[in-house]
Each structure stands twice: as C-alpha cells, then as structure tokens.
Amino acid sequence: MGIRELLTSELQNAQQLRHLQVEFDEKRCIACWQCYEVCPVGRWTPDREARIARFSDPEDCVACGACVLQCPEDAIRLTVHKG
C-alpha cells in the first residue's frame, strides 16, 4: 500500500469516527455500573432508585467505546450516524 492509499484510508477512518454515537438500550441494563466506572468523560450516572444507568449529554461523549466493551448485557453500542 502506497502513502496515498494509506492517507486516504486514514482520512476515511477519521471521517467515520466523527460520526460515532452511543446507543443505549436501558431495558437490557442490569445496573452493574461498569459504564459509569470506565467513562473517561463522566457521561454515565447510576440511578440507584430505578436500578439503571443513565446516559447524559451525548454531545460531550467522545465515543471511545469503553462503556461498550464493559457492558456485560450488550445494552450499549456504538453506531455511525451521518448528519
């Protein structure tokens, strides 16, 4: 692979990453709080009364995927949204 192809590929990857967003299915949440524990920007909050995690301020999410990897119930996923 030449430098031009490599740069083109990296540009496409960067463009796709800008459109990643977290999707959360709260019905699958078991209140383990692992998303809350690993989020580097504090977008998850435990709601102990409702026994569920709450995802807030999605525009501040960096879409790092840490919560996705930690969720044992696959309640969180990263999706690409073009907009």
PDB file of N, CA and C in Angstrom:
ATOM      1  N   MET A   1       0.857  -1.177   0.000  1.00  0.00           N
ATOM      2  CA  MET A   1       0.000   0.000   0.000  1.00  0.00           C
ATOM      3  C   MET A   1       0.899   1.234   0.000  1.00  0.00           C
ATOM      4  N   GLY A   2       0.608   2.125  -0.921  1.00  0.00           N
ATOM      5  CA  GLY A   2       1.385   3.352  -1.023  1.00  0.00           C
ATOM      6  C   GLY A   2       0.909   4.396  -0.026  1.00  0.00           C
ATOM      7  N   ILE A   3       1.661   5.472   0.067  1.00  0.00           N
ATOM      8  CA  ILE A   3       1.352   6.531   1.028  1.00  0.00           C
ATOM      9  C   ILE A   3      -0.003   7.177   0.715  1.00  0.00           C
ATOM     10  N   ARG A   4      -0.310   7.359  -0.563  1.00  0.00           N
ATOM     11  CA  ARG A   4      -1.582   7.977  -0.940  1.00  0.00           C
ATOM     12  C   ARG A   4      -2.758   7.112  -0.478  1.00  0.00           C
ATOM     13  N   GLU A   5      -2.658   5.815  -0.692  1.00  0.00           N
ATOM     14  CA  GLU A   5      -3.725   4.901  -0.279  1.00  0.00           C
ATOM     15  C   GLU A   5      -3.859   4.872   1.248  1.00  0.00           C
ATOM     16  N   LEU A   6      -2.720   4.885   1.921  1.00  0.00           N
ATOM     17  CA  LEU A   6      -2.727   4.882   3.382  1.00  0.00           C
ATOM     18  C   LEU A   6      -3.382   6.143   3.931  1.00  0.00           C
ATOM     19  N   LEU A   7      -3.014   7.286   3.386  1.00  0.00           N
ATOM     20  CA  LEU A   7      -3.608   8.553   3.840  1.00  0.00           C
ATOM     21  C   LEU A   7      -5.098   8.613   3.533  1.00  0.00           C
ATOM     22  N   THR A   8      -5.497   8.115   2.373  1.00  0.00           N
ATOM     23  CA  THR A   8      -6.913   8.088   2.017  1.00  0.00           C
ATOM     24  C   THR A   8      -7.685   7.211   2.992  1.00  0.00           C
ATOM     25  N   SER A   9      -7.120   6.070   3.318  1.00  0.00           N
ATOM     26  CA  SER A   9      -7.750   5.156   4.271  1.00  0.00           C
ATOM     27  C   SER A   9      -7.882   5.804   5.645  1.00  0.00           C
ATOM     28  N   GLU A  10      -6.829   6.457   6.103  1.00  0.00           N
ATOM     29  CA  GLU A  10      -6.858   7.116   7.407  1.00  0.00           C
ATOM     30  C   GLU A  10      -7.851   8.270   7.435  1.00  0.00           C
ATOM     31  N   LEU A  11      -7.969   9.002   6.345  1.00  0.00           N
ATOM     32  CA  LEU A  11      -8.954  10.078   6.260  1.00  0.00           C
ATOM     33  C   LEU A  11     -10.363   9.515   6.362  1.00  0.00           C
ATOM     34  N   GLN A  12     -10.631   8.417   5.673  1.00  0.00           N
ATOM     35  CA  GLN A  12     -11.949   7.792   5.746  1.00  0.00           C
ATOM     36  C   GLN A  12     -12.239   7.308   7.162  1.00  0.00           C
ATOM     37  N   ASN A  13     -11.245   6.739   7.833  1.00  0.00           N
ATOM     38  CA  ASN A  13     -11.424   6.306   9.225  1.00  0.00           C
ATOM     39  C   ASN A  13     -11.749   7.488  10.128  1.00  0.00           C
ATOM     40  N   ALA A  14     -11.032   8.585   9.977  1.00  0.00           N
ATOM     41  CA  ALA A  14     -11.261   9.775  10.803  1.00  0.00           C
ATOM     42  C   ALA A  14     -12.653  10.349  10.556  1.00  0.00           C
ATOM     43  N   GLN A  15     -13.086  10.364   9.301  1.00  0.00           N
ATOM     44  CA  GLN A  15     -14.414  10.880   8.991  1.00  0.00           C
ATOM     45  C   GLN A  15     -15.495  10.009   9.617  1.00  0.00           C
ATOM     46  N   GLN A  16     -15.300   8.712   9.602  1.00  0.00           N
ATOM     47  CA  GLN A  16     -16.282   7.809  10.203  1.00  0.00           C
ATOM     48  C   GLN A  16     -16.302   7.967  11.719  1.00  0.00           C
ATOM     49  N   LEU A  17     -15.151   8.102  12.354  1.00  0.00           N
ATOM     50  CA  LEU A  17     -15.090   8.236  13.808  1.00  0.00           C
ATOM     51  C   LEU A  17     -15.816   9.480  14.300  1.00  0.00           C
ATOM     52  N   ARG A  18     -15.827  10.530  13.527  1.00  0.00           N
ATOM     53  CA  ARG A  18     -16.529  11.755  13.930  1.00  0.00           C
ATOM     54  C   ARG A  18     -18.024  11.551  14.039  1.00  0.00           C
ATOM     55  N   HIS A  19     -18.534  10.499  13.419  1.00  0.00           N
ATOM     56  CA  HIS A  19     -19.975  10.263  13.402  1.00  0.00           C
ATOM     57  C   HIS A  19     -20.410   9.138  14.339  1.00  0.00           C
ATOM     58  N   LEU A  20     -19.510   8.645  15.167  1.00  0.00           N
ATOM     59  CA  LEU A  20     -19.880   7.591  16.105  1.00  0.00           C
ATOM     60  C   LEU A  20     -20.703   8.163  17.246  1.00  0.00           C
ATOM     61  N   GLN A  21     -21.749   7.434  17.611  1.00  0.00           N
ATOM     62  CA  GLN A  21     -22.587   7.829  18.733  1.00  0.00           C
ATOM     63  C   GLN A  21     -22.942   6.598  19.548  1.00  0.00           C
ATOM     64  N   VAL A  22     -23.149   6.820  20.826  1.00  0.00           N
ATOM     65  CA  VAL A  22     -23.556   5.734  21.714  1.00  0.00           C
ATOM     66  C   VAL A  22     -25.065   5.548  21.623  1.00  0.00           C
ATOM     67  N   GLU A  23     -25.474   4.308  21.502  1.00  0.00           N
ATOM     68  CA  GLU A  23     -26.892   3.953  21.616  1.00  0.00           C
ATOM     69  C   GLU A  23     -27.032   3.069  22.840  1.00  0.00           C
ATOM     70  N   PHE A  24     -28.034   3.351  23.656  1.00  0.00           N
ATOM     71  CA  PHE A  24     -28.220   2.656  24.923  1.00  0.00           C
ATOM     72  C   PHE A  24     -29.624   2.080  24.998  1.00  0.00           C
ATOM     73  N   ASP A  25     -29.701   0.779  25.253  1.00  0.00           N
ATOM     74  CA  ASP A  25     -30.975   0.093  25.428  1.00  0.00           C
ATOM     75  C   ASP A  25     -31.172  -0.130  26.927  1.00  0.00           C
ATOM     76  N   GLU A  26     -31.879   0.783  27.571  1.00  0.00           N
ATOM     77  CA  GLU A  26     -31.998   0.718  29.034  1.00  0.00           C
ATOM     78  C   GLU A  26     -32.774  -0.505  29.515  1.00  0.00           C
ATOM     79  N   LYS A  27     -33.549  -1.134  28.644  1.00  0.00           N
ATOM     80  CA  LYS A  27     -34.252  -2.362  29.032  1.00  0.00           C
ATOM     81  C   LYS A  27     -33.285  -3.506  29.322  1.00  0.00           C
ATOM     82  N   ARG A  28     -32.116  -3.449  28.714  1.00  0.00           N
ATOM     83  CA  ARG A  28     -31.124  -4.508  28.916  1.00  0.00           C
ATOM     84  C   ARG A  28     -30.189  -4.218  30.091  1.00  0.00           C
ATOM     85  N   CYS A  29     -30.235  -3.000  30.620  1.00  0.00           N
ATOM     86  CA  CYS A  29     -29.337  -2.584  31.698  1.00  0.00           C
ATOM     87  C   CYS A  29     -29.635  -3.360  32.989  1.00  0.00           C
ATOM     88  N   ILE A  30     -28.588  -3.890  33.621  1.00  0.00           N
ATOM     89  CA  ILE A  30     -28.738  -4.627  34.888  1.00  0.00           C
ATOM     90  C   ILE A  30     -28.146  -3.862  36.069  1.00  0.00           C
ATOM     91  N   ALA A  31     -27.828  -2.603  35.857  1.00  0.00           N
ATOM     92  CA  ALA A  31     -27.321  -1.730  36.916  1.00  0.00           C
ATOM     93  C   ALA A  31     -26.028  -2.239  37.536  1.00  0.00           C
ATOM     94  N   CYS A  32     -25.104  -2.661  36.702  1.00  0.00           N
ATOM     95  CA  CYS A  32     -23.794  -3.100  37.216  1.00  0.00           C
ATOM     96  C   CYS A  32     -22.838  -1.920  37.367  1.00  0.00           C
ATOM     97  N   TRP A  33     -23.168  -0.790  36.756  1.00  0.00           N
ATOM     98  CA  TRP A  33     -22.436   0.481  36.827  1.00  0.00           C
ATOM     99  C   TRP A  33     -21.045   0.436  36.177  1.00  0.00           C
ATOM    100  N   GLN A  34     -20.775  -0.580  35.402  1.00  0.00           N
ATOM    101  CA  GLN A  34     -19.452  -0.651  34.774  1.00  0.00           C
ATOM    102  C   GLN A  34     -19.250   0.476  33.759  1.00  0.00           C
ATOM    103  N   CYS A  35     -20.304   0.889  33.076  1.00  0.00           N
ATOM    104  CA  CYS A  35     -20.206   2.013  32.143  1.00  0.00           C
ATOM    105  C   CYS A  35     -19.802   3.285  32.899  1.00  0.00           C
ATOM    106  N   TYR A  36     -20.422   3.481  34.031  1.00  0.00           N
ATOM    107  CA  TYR A  36     -20.133   4.642  34.892  1.00  0.00           C
ATOM    108  C   TYR A  36     -18.680   4.625  35.360  1.00  0.00           C
ATOM    109  N   GLU A  37     -18.195   3.458  35.709  1.00  0.00           N
ATOM    110  CA  GLU A  37     -16.837   3.331  36.239  1.00  0.00           C
ATOM    111  C   GLU A  37     -15.752   3.583  35.196  1.00  0.00           C
ATOM    112  N   VAL A  38     -16.013   3.254  33.930  1.00  0.00           N
ATOM    113  CA  VAL A  38     -14.958   3.373  32.917  1.00  0.00           C
ATOM    114  C   VAL A  38     -15.050   4.623  32.049  1.00  0.00           C
ATOM    115  N   CYS A  39     -16.148   5.342  32.094  1.00  0.00           N
ATOM    116  CA  CYS A  39     -16.312   6.501  31.207  1.00  0.00           C
ATOM    117  C   CYS A  39     -15.312   7.608  31.550  1.00  0.00           C
ATOM    118  N   PRO A  40     -14.442   7.971  30.608  1.00  0.00           N
ATOM    119  CA  PRO A  40     -13.436   8.994  30.904  1.00  0.00           C
ATOM    120  C   PRO A  40     -13.984  10.410  30.968  1.00  0.00           C
ATOM    121  N   VAL A  41     -15.207  10.626  30.483  1.00  0.00           N
ATOM    122  CA  VAL A  41     -15.776  11.975  30.481  1.00  0.00           C
ATOM    123  C   VAL A  41     -17.048  12.084  31.306  1.00  0.00           C
ATOM    124  N   GLY A  42     -17.373  11.056  32.073  1.00  0.00           N
ATOM    125  CA  GLY A  42     -18.487  11.126  33.017  1.00  0.00           C
ATOM    126  C   GLY A  42     -19.867  11.255  32.407  1.00  0.00           C
ATOM    127  N   ARG A  43     -20.150  10.566  31.321  1.00  0.00           N
ATOM    128  CA  ARG A  43     -21.468  10.654  30.673  1.00  0.00           C
ATOM    129  C   ARG A  43     -22.483   9.704  31.283  1.00  0.00           C
ATOM    130  N   TRP A  44     -22.056   8.774  32.123  1.00  0.00           N
ATOM    131  CA  TRP A  44     -22.956   7.795  32.747  1.00  0.00           C
ATOM    132  C   TRP A  44     -23.146   8.122  34.213  1.00  0.00           C
ATOM    133  N   THR A  45     -24.388   7.952  34.686  1.00  0.00           N
ATOM    134  CA  THR A  45     -24.722   8.195  36.082  1.00  0.00           C
ATOM    135  C   THR A  45     -25.558   7.029  36.591  1.00  0.00           C
ATOM    136  N   PRO A  46     -25.212   6.493  37.760  1.00  0.00           N
ATOM    137  CA  PRO A  46     -26.059   5.434  38.311  1.00  0.00           C
ATOM    138  C   PRO A  46     -27.345   6.019  38.881  1.00  0.00           C
ATOM    139  N   ASP A  47     -28.458   5.466  38.480  1.00  0.00           N
ATOM    140  CA  ASP A  47     -29.747   5.820  39.062  1.00  0.00           C
ATOM    141  C   ASP A  47     -30.119   4.641  39.964  1.00  0.00           C
ATOM    142  N   ARG A  48     -29.745   4.745  41.217  1.00  0.00           N
ATOM    143  CA  ARG A  48     -29.897   3.620  42.138  1.00  0.00           C
ATOM    144  C   ARG A  48     -31.361   3.307  42.438  1.00  0.00           C
ATOM    145  N   GLU A  49     -32.196   4.316  42.431  1.00  0.00           N
ATOM    146  CA  GLU A  49     -33.626   4.080  42.678  1.00  0.00           C
ATOM    147  C   GLU A  49     -34.265   3.262  41.557  1.00  0.00           C
ATOM    148  N   ALA A  50     -33.971   3.646  40.328  1.00  0.00           N
ATOM    149  CA  ALA A  50     -34.549   2.958  39.175  1.00  0.00           C
ATOM    150  C   ALA A  50     -33.756   1.704  38.797  1.00  0.00           C
ATOM    151  N   ARG A  51     -32.593   1.513  39.431  1.00  0.00           N
ATOM    152  CA  ARG A  51     -31.707   0.379  39.140  1.00  0.00           C
ATOM    153  C   ARG A  51     -31.344   0.327  37.658  1.00  0.00           C
ATOM    154  N   ILE A  52     -30.829   1.484  37.198  1.00  0.00           N
ATOM    155  CA  ILE A  52     -30.449   1.618  35.793  1.00  0.00           C
ATOM    156  C   ILE A  52     -29.354   2.673  35.673  1.00  0.00           C
ATOM    157  N   ALA A  53     -28.558   2.565  34.639  1.00  0.00           N
ATOM    158  CA  ALA A  53     -27.584   3.621  34.337  1.00  0.00           C
ATOM    159  C   ALA A  53     -28.280   4.664  33.472  1.00  0.00           C
ATOM    160  N   ARG A  54     -27.866   5.900  33.600  1.00  0.00           N
ATOM    161  CA  ARG A  54     -28.416   6.986  32.780  1.00  0.00           C
ATOM    162  C   ARG A  54     -27.290   7.564  31.930  1.00  0.00           C
ATOM    163  N   PHE A  55     -27.540   7.712  30.639  1.00  0.00           N
ATOM    164  CA  PHE A  55     -26.587   8.314  29.705  1.00  0.00           C
ATOM    165  C   PHE A  55     -27.014   9.749  29.477  1.00  0.00           C
ATOM    166  N   SER A  56     -26.129  10.679  29.760  1.00  0.00           N
ATOM    167  CA  SER A  56     -26.499  12.090  29.645  1.00  0.00           C
ATOM    168  C   SER A  56     -25.500  12.858  28.787  1.00  0.00           C
ATOM    169  N   ASP A  57     -25.951  13.962  28.265  1.00  0.00           N
ATOM    170  CA  ASP A  57     -25.138  14.862  27.438  1.00  0.00           C
ATOM    171  C   ASP A  57     -24.362  14.127  26.345  1.00  0.00           C
ATOM    172  N   PRO A  58     -25.064  13.441  25.446  1.00  0.00           N
ATOM    173  CA  PRO A  58     -24.382  12.665  24.412  1.00  0.00           C
ATOM    174  C   PRO A  58     -23.451  13.490  23.525  1.00  0.00           C
ATOM    175  N   GLU A  59     -23.718  14.787  23.411  1.00  0.00           N
ATOM    176  CA  GLU A  59     -22.846  15.623  22.589  1.00  0.00           C
ATOM    177  C   GLU A  59     -21.444  15.764  23.184  1.00  0.00           C
ATOM    178  N   ASP A  60     -21.304  15.484  24.471  1.00  0.00           N
ATOM    179  CA  ASP A  60     -19.994  15.536  25.121  1.00  0.00           C
ATOM    180  C   ASP A  60     -19.288  14.178  25.143  1.00  0.00           C
ATOM    181  N   CYS A  61     -19.962  13.147  24.672  1.00  0.00           N
ATOM    182  CA  CYS A  61     -19.382  11.798  24.618  1.00  0.00           C
ATOM    183  C   CYS A  61     -18.270  11.780  23.574  1.00  0.00           C
ATOM    184  N   VAL A  62     -17.142  11.164  23.900  1.00  0.00           N
ATOM    185  CA  VAL A  62     -16.023  11.069  22.965  1.00  0.00           C
ATOM    186  C   VAL A  62     -16.050   9.774  22.163  1.00  0.00           C
ATOM    187  N   ALA A  63     -17.067   8.950  22.368  1.00  0.00           N
ATOM    188  CA  ALA A  63     -17.263   7.694  21.632  1.00  0.00           C
ATOM    189  C   ALA A  63     -16.019   6.813  21.664  1.00  0.00           C
ATOM    190  N   CYS A  64     -15.439   6.692  22.847  1.00  0.00           N
ATOM    191  CA  CYS A  64     -14.214   5.895  22.989  1.00  0.00           C
ATOM    192  C   CYS A  64     -14.501   4.394  22.985  1.00  0.00           C
ATOM    193  N   GLY A  65     -15.741   4.021  23.327  1.00  0.00           N
ATOM    194  CA  GLY A  65     -16.124   2.621  23.317  1.00  0.00           C
ATOM    195  C   GLY A  65     -15.854   1.864  24.605  1.00  0.00           C
ATOM    196  N   ALA A  66     -15.326   2.530  25.625  1.00  0.00           N
ATOM    197  CA  ALA A  66     -15.030   1.844  26.894  1.00  0.00           C
ATOM    198  C   ALA A  66     -16.297   1.257  27.502  1.00  0.00           C
ATOM    199  N   CYS A  67     -17.381   1.994  27.481  1.00  0.00           N
ATOM    200  CA  CYS A  67     -18.634   1.503  28.053  1.00  0.00           C
ATOM    201  C   CYS A  67     -19.171   0.310  27.267  1.00  0.00           C
ATOM    202  N   VAL A  68     -18.988   0.346  25.968  1.00  0.00           N
ATOM    203  CA  VAL A  68     -19.448  -0.749  25.112  1.00  0.00           C
ATOM    204  C   VAL A  68     -18.721  -2.036  25.485  1.00  0.00           C
ATOM    205  N   LEU A  69     -17.414  -1.936  25.654  1.00  0.00           N
ATOM    206  CA  LEU A  69     -16.605  -3.108  25.990  1.00  0.00           C
ATOM    207  C   LEU A  69     -16.926  -3.655  27.371  1.00  0.00           C
ATOM    208  N   GLN A  70     -17.300  -2.798  28.301  1.00  0.00           N
ATOM    209  CA  GLN A  70     -17.538  -3.222  29.677  1.00  0.00           C
ATOM    210  C   GLN A  70     -18.942  -3.754  29.935  1.00  0.00           C
ATOM    211  N   CYS A  71     -19.901  -3.384  29.124  1.00  0.00           N
ATOM    212  CA  CYS A  71     -21.296  -3.763  29.385  1.00  0.00           C
ATOM    213  C   CYS A  71     -21.496  -5.269  29.176  1.00  0.00           C
ATOM    214  N   PRO A  72     -21.838  -5.994  30.253  1.00  0.00           N
ATOM    215  CA  PRO A  72     -21.998  -7.439  30.139  1.00  0.00           C
ATOM    216  C   PRO A  72     -23.301  -7.860  29.452  1.00  0.00           C
ATOM    217  N   GLU A  73     -24.224  -6.933  29.265  1.00  0.00           N
ATOM    218  CA  GLU A  73     -25.527  -7.253  28.687  1.00  0.00           C
ATOM    219  C   GLU A  73     -25.715  -6.720  27.266  1.00  0.00           C
ATOM    220  N   ASP A  74     -24.663  -6.177  26.679  1.00  0.00           N
ATOM    221  CA  ASP A  74     -24.739  -5.580  25.338  1.00  0.00           C
ATOM    222  C   ASP A  74     -25.856  -4.545  25.229  1.00  0.00           C
ATOM    223  N   ALA A  75     -26.007  -3.759  26.274  1.00  0.00           N
ATOM    224  CA  ALA A  75     -27.024  -2.703  26.281  1.00  0.00           C
ATOM    225  C   ALA A  75     -26.508  -1.425  25.627  1.00  0.00           C
ATOM    226  N   ILE A  76     -25.204  -1.366  25.379  1.00  0.00           N
ATOM    227  CA  ILE A  76     -24.581  -0.157  24.827  1.00  0.00           C
ATOM    228  C   ILE A  76     -23.845  -0.541  23.550  1.00  0.00           C
ATOM    229  N   ARG A  77     -24.010   0.289  22.524  1.00  0.00           N
ATOM    230  CA  ARG A  77     -23.255   0.055  21.304  1.00  0.00           C
ATOM    231  C   ARG A  77     -22.913   1.372  20.630  1.00  0.00           C
ATOM    232  N   LEU A  78     -21.885   1.330  19.813  1.00  0.00           N
ATOM    233  CA  LEU A  78     -21.506   2.485  19.015  1.00  0.00           C
ATOM    234  C   LEU A  78     -22.084   2.312  17.620  1.00  0.00           C
ATOM    235  N   THR A  79     -22.706   3.347  17.124  1.00  0.00           N
ATOM    236  CA  THR A  79     -23.252   3.314  15.780  1.00  0.00           C
ATOM    237  C   THR A  79     -22.781   4.543  15.021  1.00  0.00           C
ATOM    238  N   VAL A  80     -22.787   4.439  13.712  1.00  0.00           N
ATOM    239  CA  VAL A  80     -22.379   5.555  12.856  1.00  0.00           C
ATOM    240  C   VAL A  80     -23.633   6.303  12.424  1.00  0.00           C
ATOM    241  N   HIS A  81     -23.641   7.596  12.695  1.00  0.00           N
ATOM    242  CA  HIS A  81     -24.752   8.465  12.295  1.00  0.00           C
ATOM    243  C   HIS A  81     -24.188   9.575  11.425  1.00  0.00           C
ATOM    244  N   LYS A  82     -24.638   9.630  10.230  1.00  0.00           N
ATOM    245  CA  LYS A  82     -24.223  10.720   9.321  1.00  0.00           C
ATOM    246  C   LYS A  82     -25.221  11.846   9.487  1.00  0.00           C
ATOM    247  N   GLY A  83     -24.707  13.037   9.576  1.00  0.00           N
ATOM    248  CA  GLY A  83     -25.641  14.121   9.764  1.00  0.00           C
ATOM    249  C   GLY A  83     -25.145  15.435   9.366  1.00  0.00           C
TER     250      GLY A  83
END
